């Protein structure tokens, strides 16, 4: 049975850094698109949305790492390693959504798709970015 997540942006997720918060909100919207395609059983829509999520997450991580470098964040190397690990997870997720190369059979959609995308976002937003979260800029 499909577990509907319906993730929504909460103010508690905010870092206080506008471009980072805007990126995070955009990633939340894409997860909503993944969930919508998943609920409809639209494997092509899932692939497309996960591909977009991957592209946008890469761009977000790049912008965030440049910012952290500019401000001299001492945890940048570890944070960047975490980003690479999360990107690898989304790449594997996208690979799992591809048709079987021998038979052309589409993979089954399961709840793990949404769970994995949420994990990537929440691991970055809640845990990792909380390390440099500021209240006043």
C-alpha atoms as a PDB file:
ATOM      1  CA  UNK A   1       0.000   0.000   0.000  1.00  0.00           C
ATOM      2  CA  UNK A   2       1.302   3.452  -0.897  1.00  0.00           C
ATOM      3  CA  UNK A   3       2.172   5.724   1.968  1.00  0.00           C
ATOM      4  CA  UNK A   4       1.228   9.270   0.966  1.00  0.00           C
ATOM      5  CA  UNK A   5       3.705  11.684   2.478  1.00  0.00           C
ATOM      6  CA  UNK A   6       2.505  15.074   1.194  1.00  0.00           C
ATOM      7  CA  UNK A   7       5.572  16.923   2.462  1.00  0.00           C
ATOM      8  CA  UNK A   8       5.137  20.619   3.099  1.00  0.00           C
ATOM      9  CA  UNK A   9       7.674  23.334   3.814  1.00  0.00           C
ATOM     10  CA  UNK A  10       7.855  24.344   7.478  1.00  0.00           C
ATOM     11  CA  UNK A  11       9.481  27.498   8.804  1.00  0.00           C
ATOM     12  CA  UNK A  12      11.636  25.354  11.095  1.00  0.00           C
ATOM     13  CA  UNK A  13      13.472  24.136   7.954  1.00  0.00           C
ATOM     14  CA  UNK A  14      14.701  27.668   7.208  1.00  0.00           C
ATOM     15  CA  UNK A  15      18.410  28.373   7.449  1.00  0.00           C
ATOM     16  CA  UNK A  16      17.985  32.136   7.260  1.00  0.00           C
ATOM     17  CA  UNK A  17      20.020  32.152   4.046  1.00  0.00           C
ATOM     18  CA  UNK A  18      17.514  33.132   1.338  1.00  0.00           C
ATOM     19  CA  UNK A  19      19.023  31.357  -1.680  1.00  0.00           C
ATOM     20  CA  UNK A  20      19.488  28.132   0.289  1.00  0.00           C
ATOM     21  CA  UNK A  21      15.936  28.282   1.614  1.00  0.00           C
ATOM     22  CA  UNK A  22      14.599  28.969  -1.895  1.00  0.00           C
ATOM     23  CA  UNK A  23      16.510  25.948  -3.226  1.00  0.00           C
ATOM     24  CA  UNK A  24      15.157  23.763  -0.437  1.00  0.00           C
ATOM     25  CA  UNK A  25      11.586  24.901  -1.133  1.00  0.00           C
ATOM     26  CA  UNK A  26      12.076  24.078  -4.815  1.00  0.00           C
ATOM     27  CA  UNK A  27      13.349  20.594  -3.921  1.00  0.00           C
ATOM     28  CA  UNK A  28      10.286  20.073  -1.699  1.00  0.00           C
ATOM     29  CA  UNK A  29       8.050  20.951  -4.671  1.00  0.00           C
ATOM     30  CA  UNK A  30       9.886  18.442  -6.866  1.00  0.00           C
ATOM     31  CA  UNK A  31       9.377  15.744  -4.236  1.00  0.00           C
ATOM     32  CA  UNK A  32       5.683  16.612  -4.454  1.00  0.00           C
ATOM     33  CA  UNK A  33       5.899  16.003  -8.213  1.00  0.00           C
ATOM     34  CA  UNK A  34       7.631  12.663  -7.608  1.00  0.00           C
ATOM     35  CA  UNK A  35       4.921  11.703  -5.156  1.00  0.00           C
ATOM     36  CA  UNK A  36       2.147  12.753  -7.542  1.00  0.00           C
ATOM     37  CA  UNK A  37       3.608  10.702 -10.410  1.00  0.00           C
ATOM     38  CA  UNK A  38       4.194   7.792  -8.049  1.00  0.00           C
ATOM     39  CA  UNK A  39       0.602   7.871  -6.792  1.00  0.00           C
ATOM     40  CA  UNK A  40      -0.656   7.910 -10.396  1.00  0.00           C
ATOM     41  CA  UNK A  41       1.577   4.933 -11.244  1.00  0.00           C
ATOM     42  CA  UNK A  42       3.348   7.056 -13.858  1.00  0.00           C
ATOM     43  CA  UNK A  43       6.842   5.552 -14.106  1.00  0.00           C
ATOM     44  CA  UNK A  44       7.874   8.011 -16.831  1.00  0.00           C
ATOM     45  CA  UNK A  45       6.729  10.912 -14.683  1.00  0.00           C
ATOM     46  CA  UNK A  46       8.677   9.489 -11.747  1.00  0.00           C
ATOM     47  CA  UNK A  47      11.812   9.152 -13.858  1.00  0.00           C
ATOM     48  CA  UNK A  48      11.435  12.691 -15.125  1.00  0.00           C
ATOM     49  CA  UNK A  49      10.823  14.164 -11.665  1.00  0.00           C
ATOM     50  CA  UNK A  50      13.690  12.204 -10.073  1.00  0.00           C
ATOM     51  CA  UNK A  51      15.965  13.335 -12.922  1.00  0.00           C
ATOM     52  CA  UNK A  52      14.957  16.940 -12.265  1.00  0.00           C
ATOM     53  CA  UNK A  53      15.477  16.407  -8.530  1.00  0.00           C
ATOM     54  CA  UNK A  54      18.987  15.101  -9.253  1.00  0.00           C
ATOM     55  CA  UNK A  55      19.866  18.077 -11.461  1.00  0.00           C
ATOM     56  CA  UNK A  56      18.448  20.601  -8.997  1.00  0.00           C
ATOM     57  CA  UNK A  57      20.095  18.931  -5.982  1.00  0.00           C
ATOM     58  CA  UNK A  58      23.477  19.008  -7.748  1.00  0.00           C
ATOM     59  CA  UNK A  59      23.032  22.701  -8.558  1.00  0.00           C
ATOM     60  CA  UNK A  60      21.895  23.451  -5.007  1.00  0.00           C
ATOM     61  CA  UNK A  61      24.822  21.609  -3.450  1.00  0.00           C
ATOM     62  CA  UNK A  62      27.247  23.447  -5.737  1.00  0.00           C
ATOM     63  CA  UNK A  63      25.795  26.858  -4.795  1.00  0.00           C
ATOM     64  CA  UNK A  64      25.749  25.955  -1.121  1.00  0.00           C
ATOM     65  CA  UNK A  65      29.348  24.726  -1.120  1.00  0.00           C
ATOM     66  CA  UNK A  66      30.533  27.916  -2.866  1.00  0.00           C
ATOM     67  CA  UNK A  67      28.751  29.961  -0.205  1.00  0.00           C
ATOM     68  CA  UNK A  68      30.267  27.901   2.612  1.00  0.00           C
ATOM     69  CA  UNK A  69      33.704  28.381   1.074  1.00  0.00           C
ATOM     70  CA  UNK A  70      33.211  32.162   0.884  1.00  0.00           C
ATOM     71  CA  UNK A  71      32.196  32.386   4.548  1.00  0.00           C
ATOM     72  CA  UNK A  72      35.067  30.118   5.586  1.00  0.00           C
ATOM     73  CA  UNK A  73      32.892  27.346   7.025  1.00  0.00           C
ATOM     74  CA  UNK A  74      35.298  24.931   8.738  1.00  0.00           C
ATOM     75  CA  UNK A  75      33.059  21.904   8.120  1.00  0.00           C
ATOM     76  CA  UNK A  76      32.974  22.370   4.340  1.00  0.00           C
ATOM     77  CA  UNK A  77      34.907  19.219   3.418  1.00  0.00           C
ATOM     78  CA  UNK A  78      32.658  16.951   5.468  1.00  0.00           C
ATOM     79  CA  UNK A  79      29.563  18.750   4.234  1.00  0.00           C
ATOM     80  CA  UNK A  80      30.675  18.326   0.614  1.00  0.00           C
ATOM     81  CA  UNK A  81      31.306  14.609   1.228  1.00  0.00           C
ATOM     82  CA  UNK A  82      27.771  14.303   2.587  1.00  0.00           C
ATOM     83  CA  UNK A  83      26.450  16.036  -0.539  1.00  0.00           C
ATOM     84  CA  UNK A  84      28.310  13.575  -2.783  1.00  0.00           C
ATOM     85  CA  UNK A  85      26.875  10.664  -0.823  1.00  0.00           C
ATOM     86  CA  UNK A  86      23.348  12.045  -1.193  1.00  0.00           C
ATOM     87  CA  UNK A  87      23.844  12.601  -4.939  1.00  0.00           C
ATOM     88  CA  UNK A  88      25.069   9.009  -5.289  1.00  0.00           C
ATOM     89  CA  UNK A  89      21.869   7.873  -3.580  1.00  0.00           C
ATOM     90  CA  UNK A  90      19.681   9.800  -6.052  1.00  0.00           C
ATOM     91  CA  UNK A  91      21.719   8.451  -8.995  1.00  0.00           C
ATOM     92  CA  UNK A  92      21.046   4.899  -7.762  1.00  0.00           C
ATOM     93  CA  UNK A  93      17.370   5.761  -7.338  1.00  0.00           C
ATOM     94  CA  UNK A  94      17.200   7.013 -10.927  1.00  0.00           C
ATOM     95  CA  UNK A  95      18.995   3.887 -12.157  1.00  0.00           C
ATOM     96  CA  UNK A  96      16.434   1.742 -10.310  1.00  0.00           C
ATOM     97  CA  UNK A  97      13.668   3.508 -12.250  1.00  0.00           C
ATOM     98  CA  UNK A  98      15.059   2.497 -15.642  1.00  0.00           C
ATOM     99  CA  UNK A  99      13.474  -0.314 -17.671  1.00  0.00           C
ATOM    100  CA  UNK A 100      15.213  -3.690 -17.617  1.00  0.00           C
ATOM    101  CA  UNK A 101      17.805  -3.474 -20.439  1.00  0.00           C
ATOM    102  CA  UNK A 102      17.130  -7.065 -21.551  1.00  0.00           C
ATOM    103  CA  UNK A 103      13.343  -7.196 -21.417  1.00  0.00           C
ATOM    104  CA  UNK A 104      12.324  -3.539 -21.506  1.00  0.00           C
ATOM    105  CA  UNK A 105      10.067  -4.243 -18.514  1.00  0.00           C
ATOM    106  CA  UNK A 106       9.417  -1.220 -16.353  1.00  0.00           C
ATOM    107  CA  UNK A 107      10.319  -1.525 -12.663  1.00  0.00           C
ATOM    108  CA  UNK A 108       7.625  -1.708 -10.030  1.00  0.00           C
ATOM    109  CA  UNK A 109       6.979   1.516  -8.182  1.00  0.00           C
ATOM    110  CA  UNK A 110       7.229   1.130  -4.440  1.00  0.00           C
ATOM    111  CA  UNK A 111       7.215   3.373  -1.394  1.00  0.00           C
ATOM    112  CA  UNK A 112      11.014   3.324  -1.253  1.00  0.00           C
ATOM    113  CA  UNK A 113      11.078   5.806  -4.141  1.00  0.00           C
ATOM    114  CA  UNK A 114       9.445   8.543  -2.079  1.00  0.00           C
ATOM    115  CA  UNK A 115      11.290   7.551   1.087  1.00  0.00           C
ATOM    116  CA  UNK A 116      14.680   7.814  -0.633  1.00  0.00           C
ATOM    117  CA  UNK A 117      13.950  11.228  -2.154  1.00  0.00           C
ATOM    118  CA  UNK A 118      12.692  12.494   1.195  1.00  0.00           C
ATOM    119  CA  UNK A 119      15.754  11.120   2.952  1.00  0.00           C
ATOM    120  CA  UNK A 120      18.077  13.023   0.626  1.00  0.00           C
ATOM    121  CA  UNK A 121      16.223  16.277   1.149  1.00  0.00           C
ATOM    122  CA  UNK A 122      15.709  15.951   4.872  1.00  0.00           C
ATOM    123  CA  UNK A 123      19.254  14.747   5.518  1.00  0.00           C
ATOM    124  CA  UNK A 124      20.503  17.945   3.875  1.00  0.00           C
ATOM    125  CA  UNK A 125      17.870  20.372   5.165  1.00  0.00           C
ATOM    126  CA  UNK A 126      17.392  19.157   8.712  1.00  0.00           C
ATOM    127  CA  UNK A 127      20.640  17.545   9.765  1.00  0.00           C
ATOM    128  CA  UNK A 128      23.502  18.779   7.647  1.00  0.00           C
ATOM    129  CA  UNK A 129      22.435  22.378   7.048  1.00  0.00           C
ATOM    130  CA  UNK A 130      21.502  22.807  10.715  1.00  0.00           C
ATOM    131  CA  UNK A 131      25.247  22.834  11.371  1.00  0.00           C
ATOM    132  CA  UNK A 132      25.591  26.277   9.772  1.00  0.00           C
ATOM    133  CA  UNK A 133      22.044  27.554  10.272  1.00  0.00           C
ATOM    134  CA  UNK A 134      21.876  31.184  11.345  1.00  0.00           C
ATOM    135  CA  UNK A 135      19.123  33.313  12.785  1.00  0.00           C
ATOM    136  CA  UNK A 136      20.553  36.743  11.976  1.00  0.00           C
ATOM    137  CA  UNK A 137      22.576  37.377   8.832  1.00  0.00           C
END
